Amino acid sequence: MKRSITLLVVVGMALVIGYLVWSSTHLVQAECEVCVEYNGQQQCRRGSGTNDAEARQAAQKAACAVMAFGMNESIACANAQPKVVRCPAPPVR
């Protein structure tokens, strides 16, 4: 009896992990690369999402995370016009 419960727990955990991996990779349908200039710095980052707008926003947020410090700067950087937007993003070399 103890062995069957252990087996059920292992199978259940494998199913949950499999579902999480499948659902997280299945949601990525768009990828963009965005270059943002803020406070005299320029950063380029990639982002992914269910569509181009979501992927672009994720990429800009990632670029701003490196350059902006504090809530005010983060908001200002997120609202800055990107210098470069590539959707779909070029392949990684």
Protein backbone atom coordinates (compact mmCIF):
# COMPACT_ATOMS: atom_id res chain seq x y z
CA MET A 1 0.00 0.00 0.00
CA LYS A 2 2.79 2.43 0.90
CA ARG A 3 4.51 1.69 -2.41
CA SER A 4 1.38 2.50 -4.46
CA ILE A 5 0.95 5.85 -2.69
CA THR A 6 4.57 6.74 -3.44
CA LEU A 7 4.07 5.79 -7.08
CA LEU A 8 0.91 7.91 -7.30
CA VAL A 9 2.71 10.92 -5.80
CA VAL A 10 5.63 10.55 -8.25
CA VAL A 11 3.29 10.19 -11.24
CA GLY A 12 1.23 13.17 -10.06
CA MET A 13 4.32 15.35 -9.68
CA ALA A 14 5.56 14.32 -13.14
CA LEU A 15 2.21 15.27 -14.65
CA VAL A 16 2.20 18.66 -12.94
CA ILE A 17 5.77 19.42 -14.04
CA GLY A 18 5.00 18.26 -17.58
CA TYR A 19 1.94 20.49 -17.74
CA LEU A 20 3.88 23.52 -16.46
CA VAL A 21 6.63 23.04 -19.04
CA TRP A 22 4.14 22.50 -21.86
CA SER A 23 1.95 25.48 -20.94
CA SER A 24 4.88 27.88 -20.52
CA THR A 25 6.41 26.98 -23.89
CA HIS A 26 3.03 26.89 -25.62
CA LEU A 27 2.25 30.50 -24.66
CA VAL A 28 5.30 31.94 -26.44
CA GLN A 29 4.07 32.82 -29.90
CA ALA A 30 5.96 36.06 -30.56
CA GLU A 31 9.48 37.29 -29.85
CA CYS A 32 10.87 40.81 -30.23
CA GLU A 33 14.16 42.58 -29.70
CA VAL A 34 13.97 46.17 -28.44
CA CYS A 35 16.76 48.74 -28.00
CA VAL A 36 15.98 51.57 -25.56
CA GLU A 37 18.01 54.69 -24.84
CA TYR A 38 17.56 56.17 -21.36
CA ASN A 39 19.79 58.43 -19.24
CA GLY A 40 22.52 58.36 -21.86
CA GLN A 41 22.67 54.56 -21.92
CA GLN A 42 21.38 52.15 -24.53
CA GLN A 43 20.37 48.55 -23.89
CA CYS A 44 18.94 45.93 -26.22
CA ARG A 45 16.95 43.00 -24.86
CA ARG A 46 14.65 40.26 -26.12
CA GLY A 47 11.16 39.54 -24.91
CA SER A 48 8.50 36.99 -25.70
CA GLY A 49 4.76 36.82 -25.33
CA THR A 50 1.52 35.70 -26.88
CA ASN A 51 1.64 38.54 -29.46
CA ASP A 52 4.06 41.18 -30.77
CA ALA A 53 2.79 43.92 -28.42
CA GLU A 54 3.29 41.75 -25.35
CA ALA A 55 6.73 40.60 -26.56
CA ARG A 56 7.78 44.21 -27.24
CA GLN A 57 6.65 45.31 -23.77
CA ALA A 58 8.54 42.44 -22.13
CA ALA A 59 11.71 43.31 -24.05
CA GLN A 60 11.47 47.00 -23.13
CA LYS A 61 10.87 46.14 -19.48
CA ALA A 62 13.98 43.92 -19.51
CA ALA A 63 16.09 46.68 -21.08
CA CYS A 64 14.84 49.26 -18.60
CA ALA A 65 15.57 46.98 -15.64
CA VAL A 66 19.28 47.45 -16.34
CA MET A 67 19.19 51.24 -16.76
CA ALA A 68 16.43 52.59 -14.50
CA PHE A 69 16.52 52.62 -10.71
CA GLY A 70 13.44 53.35 -8.65
CA MET A 71 9.78 53.50 -9.60
CA ASN A 72 9.86 56.94 -11.29
CA GLU A 73 12.79 56.05 -13.54
CA SER A 74 11.30 52.64 -14.36
CA ILE A 75 8.03 54.24 -15.47
CA ALA A 76 9.83 56.93 -17.48
CA CYS A 77 12.03 54.34 -19.21
CA ALA A 78 9.06 52.08 -19.95
CA ASN A 79 7.32 55.04 -21.61
CA ALA A 80 10.39 56.05 -23.66
CA GLN A 81 10.21 55.52 -27.41
CA PRO A 82 12.45 52.56 -28.34
CA LYS A 83 15.27 53.27 -30.80
CA VAL A 84 15.00 49.83 -32.44
CA VAL A 85 12.16 47.31 -32.51
CA ARG A 86 12.59 43.99 -34.31
CA CYS A 87 9.61 41.66 -34.36
CA PRO A 88 10.30 38.83 -34.90
CA ALA A 89 13.67 38.98 -33.19
CA PRO A 90 16.68 37.89 -35.23
CA PRO A 91 18.01 34.39 -34.52
CA VAL A 92 20.52 33.98 -31.71
CA ARG A 93 24.05 33.28 -32.96
